[in-house]
Amino acid sequence: MNHTDFWTLGVIVGMGVITMVTRSFFFISNKPWSLPRWAQRGLQYAPVAALCGVIVPEIVMTQGQLLSTWQDARLFATAAGVTYFYWRKGGGQAVLGTIITGMAVYLPLHIGLGW
């Protein structure tokens, strides 16, 4: 093995140790952990915020630029999906229907019209 191989192996092992320690940090202590009330309340919004951070740019941007035309299938599919979701008043069954509705609008516009 040459110097680069040892360096690469050291980095991999080091990253593994860091990952293991940070993920098991809460199990190492004998005391029970509890978050402050403000942190618990803030974590309730984390999934929605993360989802918006991933989904919204995918809808309104292409190639790192904001959409320059309204003729984009993603906009119409999003509008149809959101409308369906609110029409069904949310819930577990509405999620699958939202996806199906959005795709039913998206595919014909994207494939058929080339949007």
Protein backbone atom coordinates (compact mmCIF):
# COMPACT_ATOMS: atom_id res chain seq x y z
CA MET A 1 0.00 0.00 0.00
CA ASN A 2 1.22 3.46 -0.78
CA HIS A 3 0.78 6.67 1.21
CA THR A 4 -2.50 7.61 -0.51
CA ASP A 5 -4.09 4.27 0.33
CA PHE A 6 -3.25 4.67 4.03
CA TRP A 7 -4.61 8.21 3.98
CA THR A 8 -7.86 7.06 2.35
CA LEU A 9 -8.21 4.17 4.78
CA GLY A 10 -7.57 6.53 7.72
CA VAL A 11 -10.23 8.95 6.50
CA ILE A 12 -12.77 6.14 6.07
CA VAL A 13 -12.08 4.72 9.54
CA GLY A 14 -12.11 8.19 11.09
CA MET A 15 -15.44 9.08 9.48
CA GLY A 16 -16.86 5.76 10.66
CA VAL A 17 -15.77 6.43 14.24
CA ILE A 18 -17.17 9.98 14.16
CA THR A 19 -20.47 8.70 12.76
CA MET A 20 -20.70 5.96 15.38
CA VAL A 21 -19.95 8.32 18.28
CA THR A 22 -22.36 11.05 17.16
CA ARG A 23 -25.19 8.60 16.51
CA SER A 24 -24.74 6.79 19.81
CA PHE A 25 -24.17 9.95 21.86
CA PHE A 26 -27.60 9.78 23.50
CA PHE A 27 -27.11 6.14 24.50
CA ILE A 28 -23.75 6.72 26.23
CA SER A 29 -25.20 8.77 29.10
CA ASN A 30 -26.99 7.15 32.03
CA LYS A 31 -29.26 10.16 32.50
CA PRO A 32 -32.51 10.43 30.54
CA TRP A 33 -32.41 13.12 27.88
CA SER A 34 -35.24 15.55 27.33
CA LEU A 35 -35.38 18.47 24.98
CA PRO A 36 -36.61 21.86 26.11
CA ARG A 37 -40.22 22.64 25.25
CA TRP A 38 -39.24 25.18 22.57
CA ALA A 39 -37.06 22.58 20.81
CA GLN A 40 -39.81 19.95 20.91
CA ARG A 41 -42.22 22.46 19.42
CA GLY A 42 -39.74 23.45 16.73
CA LEU A 43 -39.11 19.84 15.74
CA GLN A 44 -42.79 19.43 14.91
CA TYR A 45 -42.22 21.69 11.90
CA ALA A 46 -38.93 20.15 10.76
CA PRO A 47 -40.43 17.52 8.39
CA VAL A 48 -42.61 20.11 6.66
CA ALA A 49 -39.71 22.54 6.36
CA ALA A 50 -37.39 19.86 4.97
CA LEU A 51 -40.02 18.70 2.49
CA CYS A 52 -40.61 22.27 1.31
CA GLY A 53 -36.87 22.81 0.99
CA VAL A 54 -36.64 19.84 -1.37
CA ILE A 55 -39.93 20.06 -3.27
CA VAL A 56 -40.43 23.79 -3.90
CA PRO A 57 -37.15 24.35 -5.78
CA GLU A 58 -37.93 21.31 -7.91
CA ILE A 59 -41.27 22.83 -8.88
CA VAL A 60 -40.28 26.44 -9.58
CA MET A 61 -36.75 26.02 -10.94
CA THR A 62 -35.05 24.31 -13.84
CA GLN A 63 -31.29 24.16 -14.39
CA GLY A 64 -30.84 26.42 -11.34
CA GLN A 65 -32.98 29.22 -12.79
CA LEU A 66 -36.54 30.25 -11.95
CA LEU A 67 -39.10 29.18 -14.52
CA SER A 68 -39.52 31.77 -17.24
CA THR A 69 -42.78 30.43 -18.65
CA TRP A 70 -46.12 29.27 -17.30
CA GLN A 71 -46.03 26.36 -19.77
CA ASP A 72 -44.46 23.92 -17.37
CA ALA A 73 -46.26 20.69 -16.51
CA ARG A 74 -44.95 20.81 -12.93
CA LEU A 75 -46.93 23.95 -12.15
CA PHE A 76 -50.23 22.48 -13.33
CA ALA A 77 -49.57 19.12 -11.68
CA THR A 78 -48.78 20.86 -8.40
CA ALA A 79 -51.96 22.95 -8.60
CA ALA A 80 -54.03 19.83 -9.32
CA GLY A 81 -52.40 17.86 -6.49
CA VAL A 82 -52.84 20.65 -3.94
CA THR A 83 -56.46 21.13 -5.02
CA TYR A 84 -57.16 17.41 -4.61
CA PHE A 85 -55.48 17.29 -1.21
CA TYR A 86 -57.56 20.17 0.15
CA TRP A 87 -60.71 18.84 -1.48
CA ARG A 88 -60.21 15.54 0.37
CA LYS A 89 -59.36 17.49 3.57
CA GLY A 90 -55.99 15.80 4.04
CA GLY A 91 -55.62 12.47 5.75
CA GLY A 92 -53.76 9.29 4.84
CA GLN A 93 -55.92 8.37 1.86
CA ALA A 94 -55.50 11.84 0.37
CA VAL A 95 -51.74 11.45 -0.04
CA LEU A 96 -51.99 8.66 -2.60
CA GLY A 97 -54.80 10.49 -4.40
CA THR A 98 -52.68 13.65 -4.47
CA ILE A 99 -49.81 11.79 -6.13
CA ILE A 100 -52.11 10.10 -8.65
CA THR A 101 -53.88 13.38 -9.47
CA GLY A 102 -50.60 15.25 -9.90
CA MET A 103 -49.17 12.56 -12.16
CA ALA A 104 -52.41 12.34 -14.15
CA VAL A 105 -51.99 16.02 -14.98
CA TYR A 106 -48.21 16.01 -15.32
CA LEU A 107 -47.71 13.09 -17.70
CA PRO A 108 -50.05 14.21 -20.50
CA LEU A 109 -48.67 17.75 -20.40
CA HIS A 110 -45.05 16.63 -20.24
CA ILE A 111 -45.18 13.74 -22.68
CA GLY A 112 -48.04 14.90 -24.90
CA LEU A 113 -47.27 18.62 -25.18
CA GLY A 114 -43.58 18.50 -24.32
CA TRP A 115 -43.87 20.97 -21.47
